[in-house]
């Protein structure tokens, strides 16, 4: 998955999540009115979780890329030894 595809996927999933959360909150605004501070705290926690998830995904992508590069290099070395 290239960077552009990953960015588009993350952007689109964030957009959909925001739309669903917004629709849910609008539908239940009478329930959540008195709990506004708690809700703001939950939204902040959700944003930090998404930030952590994004960094972990990028880290895993980088590790996978490095593992692939080393596997390809090792295969090239073995082919050269056979020649």
C-alpha atoms as a PDB file:
ATOM      1  CA  UNK A   1       0.000   0.000   0.000  1.00  0.00           C
ATOM      2  CA  UNK A   2       1.648   3.214  -1.058  1.00  0.00           C
ATOM      3  CA  UNK A   3       1.603   6.427   0.964  1.00  0.00           C
ATOM      4  CA  UNK A   4      -1.055   8.120  -1.135  1.00  0.00           C
ATOM      5  CA  UNK A   5      -3.458   5.202  -0.751  1.00  0.00           C
ATOM      6  CA  UNK A   6      -2.804   5.041   2.994  1.00  0.00           C
ATOM      7  CA  UNK A   7      -3.406   8.778   3.388  1.00  0.00           C
ATOM      8  CA  UNK A   8      -6.639   8.599   1.402  1.00  0.00           C
ATOM      9  CA  UNK A   9      -7.803   5.588   3.430  1.00  0.00           C
ATOM     10  CA  UNK A  10      -7.047   7.306   6.746  1.00  0.00           C
ATOM     11  CA  UNK A  11      -8.704  10.533   5.594  1.00  0.00           C
ATOM     12  CA  UNK A  12     -11.806   8.739   4.355  1.00  0.00           C
ATOM     13  CA  UNK A  13     -12.122   6.606   7.498  1.00  0.00           C
ATOM     14  CA  UNK A  14     -11.766   9.750   9.639  1.00  0.00           C
ATOM     15  CA  UNK A  15     -14.447  11.476   7.593  1.00  0.00           C
ATOM     16  CA  UNK A  16     -16.839   8.547   7.937  1.00  0.00           C
ATOM     17  CA  UNK A  17     -16.155   8.225  11.658  1.00  0.00           C
ATOM     18  CA  UNK A  18     -16.779  11.931  12.162  1.00  0.00           C
ATOM     19  CA  UNK A  19     -20.028  11.753  10.206  1.00  0.00           C
ATOM     20  CA  UNK A  20     -21.295   8.787  12.209  1.00  0.00           C
ATOM     21  CA  UNK A  21     -20.312  10.301  15.552  1.00  0.00           C
ATOM     22  CA  UNK A  22     -21.856  13.635  14.555  1.00  0.00           C
ATOM     23  CA  UNK A  23     -25.108  12.005  13.479  1.00  0.00           C
ATOM     24  CA  UNK A  24     -25.257   9.983  16.682  1.00  0.00           C
ATOM     25  CA  UNK A  25     -24.592  13.021  18.847  1.00  0.00           C
ATOM     26  CA  UNK A  26     -27.146  15.116  16.980  1.00  0.00           C
ATOM     27  CA  UNK A  27     -29.747  12.388  17.314  1.00  0.00           C
ATOM     28  CA  UNK A  28     -29.077  12.067  21.051  1.00  0.00           C
ATOM     29  CA  UNK A  29     -28.255  15.700  21.835  1.00  0.00           C
ATOM     30  CA  UNK A  30     -30.755  15.854  24.704  1.00  0.00           C
ATOM     31  CA  UNK A  31     -28.979  12.998  26.480  1.00  0.00           C
ATOM     32  CA  UNK A  32     -25.513  14.443  26.013  1.00  0.00           C
ATOM     33  CA  UNK A  33     -26.246  18.103  26.740  1.00  0.00           C
ATOM     34  CA  UNK A  34     -25.542  17.906  30.488  1.00  0.00           C
ATOM     35  CA  UNK A  35     -22.488  15.712  29.949  1.00  0.00           C
ATOM     36  CA  UNK A  36     -20.696  18.049  27.567  1.00  0.00           C
ATOM     37  CA  UNK A  37     -17.402  18.107  29.509  1.00  0.00           C
ATOM     38  CA  UNK A  38     -17.319  14.332  29.739  1.00  0.00           C
ATOM     39  CA  UNK A  39     -18.072  14.070  26.031  1.00  0.00           C
ATOM     40  CA  UNK A  40     -15.283  16.520  25.181  1.00  0.00           C
ATOM     41  CA  UNK A  41     -12.910  14.403  27.262  1.00  0.00           C
ATOM     42  CA  UNK A  42     -13.992  11.265  25.422  1.00  0.00           C
ATOM     43  CA  UNK A  43     -13.507  12.946  22.061  1.00  0.00           C
ATOM     44  CA  UNK A  44     -10.012  14.036  23.119  1.00  0.00           C
ATOM     45  CA  UNK A  45      -9.209  10.472  24.183  1.00  0.00           C
ATOM     46  CA  UNK A  46     -10.529   9.195  20.867  1.00  0.00           C
ATOM     47  CA  UNK A  47      -8.289  11.636  18.978  1.00  0.00           C
ATOM     48  CA  UNK A  48      -5.231  10.516  20.937  1.00  0.00           C
ATOM     49  CA  UNK A  49      -6.084   6.866  20.259  1.00  0.00           C
ATOM     50  CA  UNK A  50      -6.349   7.622  16.547  1.00  0.00           C
ATOM     51  CA  UNK A  51      -2.994   9.427  16.642  1.00  0.00           C
ATOM     52  CA  UNK A  52      -1.368   6.444  18.367  1.00  0.00           C
ATOM     53  CA  UNK A  53      -2.955   4.060  15.893  1.00  0.00           C
ATOM     54  CA  UNK A  54      -1.667   6.111  12.963  1.00  0.00           C
ATOM     55  CA  UNK A  55       1.882   6.101  14.338  1.00  0.00           C
ATOM     56  CA  UNK A  56       1.736   2.334  14.964  1.00  0.00           C
ATOM     57  CA  UNK A  57       0.472   1.696  11.437  1.00  0.00           C
ATOM     58  CA  UNK A  58       3.270   3.805   9.978  1.00  0.00           C
ATOM     59  CA  UNK A  59       5.823   2.043  12.198  1.00  0.00           C
ATOM     60  CA  UNK A  60       4.562  -1.383  11.107  1.00  0.00           C
ATOM     61  CA  UNK A  61       4.682  -0.265   7.483  1.00  0.00           C
ATOM     62  CA  UNK A  62       8.292   0.859   7.890  1.00  0.00           C
ATOM     63  CA  UNK A  63       9.283  -2.381   9.624  1.00  0.00           C
ATOM     64  CA  UNK A  64       7.629  -4.420   6.888  1.00  0.00           C
ATOM     65  CA  UNK A  65       9.424  -2.427   4.220  1.00  0.00           C
ATOM     66  CA  UNK A  66      12.788  -2.954   5.922  1.00  0.00           C
ATOM     67  CA  UNK A  67      12.113  -6.690   6.303  1.00  0.00           C
ATOM     68  CA  UNK A  68      11.205  -6.924   2.622  1.00  0.00           C
ATOM     69  CA  UNK A  69      14.354  -5.068   1.602  1.00  0.00           C
ATOM     70  CA  UNK A  70      16.560  -7.350   3.696  1.00  0.00           C
ATOM     71  CA  UNK A  71      14.840 -10.476   2.323  1.00  0.00           C
ATOM     72  CA  UNK A  72      15.356  -9.275  -1.248  1.00  0.00           C
ATOM     73  CA  UNK A  73      19.017  -8.460  -0.542  1.00  0.00           C
ATOM     74  CA  UNK A  74      19.577 -11.865   1.034  1.00  0.00           C
ATOM     75  CA  UNK A  75      17.965 -13.569  -1.985  1.00  0.00           C
ATOM     76  CA  UNK A  76      20.199 -11.566  -4.344  1.00  0.00           C
ATOM     77  CA  UNK A  77      23.282 -12.577  -2.341  1.00  0.00           C
ATOM     78  CA  UNK A  78      22.311 -16.245  -2.513  1.00  0.00           C
ATOM     79  CA  UNK A  79      21.757 -16.019  -6.271  1.00  0.00           C
ATOM     80  CA  UNK A  80      25.163 -14.392  -6.735  1.00  0.00           C
ATOM     81  CA  UNK A  81      26.835 -17.155  -4.659  1.00  0.00           C
ATOM     82  CA  UNK A  82      25.247 -19.803  -6.857  1.00  0.00           C
ATOM     83  CA  UNK A  83      26.596 -18.131 -10.011  1.00  0.00           C
END
